[in-house]
Amino acid sequence: MSSVLDVSSLYDSYSSKAGDALTSAAAGKINSVNKDSSDEELMEACKSFETYFVQKMIEEAKKTTENEDEDGEYTKMFADMRNEQMAAAVTESGQIGLAQQLYDNLKMQYNL
């Protein structure tokens, strides 16, 4: 049985476009999941994917409202960090629930 390659291949299409630390961390967690993974490891990989997904949604949403001329130098420097922290907070709160749905689906699909 392969690792969670269905999710990993979806993620890879996004990660090839971005080189941030969150991308690397999430990719590592997702690619390390296999049939011998514990429930905690699987959930952590699912949360990493949701955090990445939410961060990309935040970045795209902010593009529609930000005015580059008004942003200060420090705002631009720390925008990725801010977006990552916001995404992590949303994921941990469980408000979207993508990680839990993905976890439940993978447990059922791969009999983990």
Protein backbone atom coordinates (compact mmCIF):
# COMPACT_ATOMS: atom_id res chain seq x y z
CA MET A 1 0.00 0.00 0.00
CA SER A 2 1.37 3.38 -0.89
CA SER A 3 1.45 6.33 1.45
CA VAL A 4 -1.32 8.84 1.15
CA LEU A 5 -0.32 9.59 -2.43
CA ASP A 6 -3.73 10.80 -3.55
CA VAL A 7 -3.56 13.70 -1.11
CA SER A 8 0.15 14.08 -1.66
CA SER A 9 -0.21 14.48 -5.42
CA LEU A 10 -2.85 17.17 -4.93
CA TYR A 11 -0.54 18.92 -2.51
CA ASP A 12 2.46 18.58 -4.83
CA SER A 13 0.69 20.59 -7.52
CA TYR A 14 0.47 23.48 -5.06
CA SER A 15 3.87 23.06 -3.44
CA SER A 16 5.69 23.19 -6.76
CA LYS A 17 4.58 26.81 -7.02
CA ALA A 18 5.67 27.89 -3.55
CA GLY A 19 8.91 27.45 -1.67
CA ASP A 20 8.01 28.61 1.82
CA ALA A 21 8.81 26.79 5.06
CA LEU A 22 5.20 25.80 5.61
CA THR A 23 5.14 24.06 2.25
CA SER A 24 8.23 22.02 3.12
CA ALA A 25 6.92 21.10 6.56
CA ALA A 26 3.50 20.08 5.29
CA ALA A 27 4.96 18.08 2.40
CA GLY A 28 7.24 16.20 4.78
CA LYS A 29 4.37 15.27 7.09
CA ILE A 30 2.06 14.24 4.27
CA ASN A 31 4.71 12.15 2.52
CA SER A 32 5.68 10.40 5.75
CA VAL A 33 2.18 8.98 6.33
CA ASN A 34 1.78 5.30 5.48
CA LYS A 35 -0.19 2.27 6.63
CA ASP A 36 1.95 2.03 9.77
CA SER A 37 1.34 5.63 10.83
CA SER A 38 -0.41 6.34 14.10
CA ASP A 39 -3.67 8.25 14.32
CA GLU A 40 -1.76 11.24 15.69
CA GLU A 41 0.65 11.27 12.74
CA LEU A 42 -2.20 11.05 10.25
CA MET A 43 -4.10 13.87 11.98
CA GLU A 44 -0.98 16.02 12.08
CA ALA A 45 -0.46 15.51 8.35
CA CYS A 46 -4.10 16.44 7.70
CA LYS A 47 -3.76 19.57 9.85
CA SER A 48 -0.60 20.53 7.97
CA PHE A 49 -2.46 20.27 4.70
CA GLU A 50 -5.38 22.32 6.02
CA THR A 51 -3.01 24.98 7.37
CA TYR A 52 -1.29 25.20 4.01
CA PHE A 53 -4.62 25.39 2.18
CA VAL A 54 -5.98 28.09 4.50
CA GLN A 55 -2.75 30.09 4.21
CA LYS A 56 -3.06 30.11 0.42
CA MET A 57 -6.69 31.22 0.71
CA ILE A 58 -5.65 34.07 3.04
CA GLU A 59 -2.89 35.15 0.68
CA GLU A 60 -5.24 35.25 -2.30
CA ALA A 61 -7.90 37.12 -0.33
CA LYS A 62 -5.38 39.70 0.86
CA LYS A 63 -4.26 40.32 -2.71
CA THR A 64 -7.72 41.70 -3.45
CA THR A 65 -7.60 44.24 -0.63
CA GLU A 66 -3.96 45.23 -0.21
CA ASN A 67 -2.55 48.35 -1.73
CA GLU A 68 1.19 47.88 -2.26
CA ASP A 69 1.81 51.62 -2.02
CA GLU A 70 0.27 51.77 1.47
CA ASP A 71 2.05 48.73 2.90
CA GLY A 72 5.13 49.49 4.91
CA GLU A 73 8.44 47.72 4.52
CA TYR A 74 7.95 45.60 7.64
CA THR A 75 4.42 44.63 6.66
CA LYS A 76 5.74 43.23 3.40
CA MET A 77 8.61 41.43 5.13
CA PHE A 78 6.41 39.66 7.65
CA ALA A 79 3.29 39.08 5.53
CA ASP A 80 4.06 35.39 5.00
CA MET A 81 4.66 34.85 8.70
CA ARG A 82 1.43 36.65 9.55
CA ASN A 83 -0.52 34.57 7.04
CA GLU A 84 1.02 31.34 8.33
CA GLN A 85 0.10 32.19 11.92
CA MET A 86 -3.45 33.11 10.95
CA ALA A 87 -3.83 29.86 9.01
CA ALA A 88 -2.47 27.81 11.92
CA ALA A 89 -4.91 29.48 14.31
CA VAL A 90 -7.85 28.77 12.01
CA THR A 91 -6.79 25.13 11.64
CA GLU A 92 -6.34 24.63 15.39
CA SER A 93 -9.74 26.15 16.09
CA GLY A 94 -11.38 23.52 13.87
CA GLN A 95 -13.65 26.14 12.31
CA ILE A 96 -13.20 24.86 8.78
CA GLY A 97 -12.88 21.18 9.61
CA LEU A 98 -11.01 20.17 6.47
CA ALA A 99 -8.37 18.29 8.47
CA GLN A 100 -10.99 16.23 10.31
CA GLN A 101 -12.86 15.39 7.08
CA LEU A 102 -9.62 14.45 5.36
CA TYR A 103 -8.57 12.35 8.35
CA ASP A 104 -11.90 10.48 8.46
CA ASN A 105 -11.81 9.87 4.72
CA LEU A 106 -8.23 8.58 4.73
CA LYS A 107 -8.86 6.31 7.71
CA MET A 108 -11.80 4.76 5.90
CA GLN A 109 -10.23 4.65 2.43
CA TYR A 110 -6.88 3.17 3.45
CA ASN A 111 -8.10 1.14 6.46
CA LEU A 112 -5.52 2.83 8.66
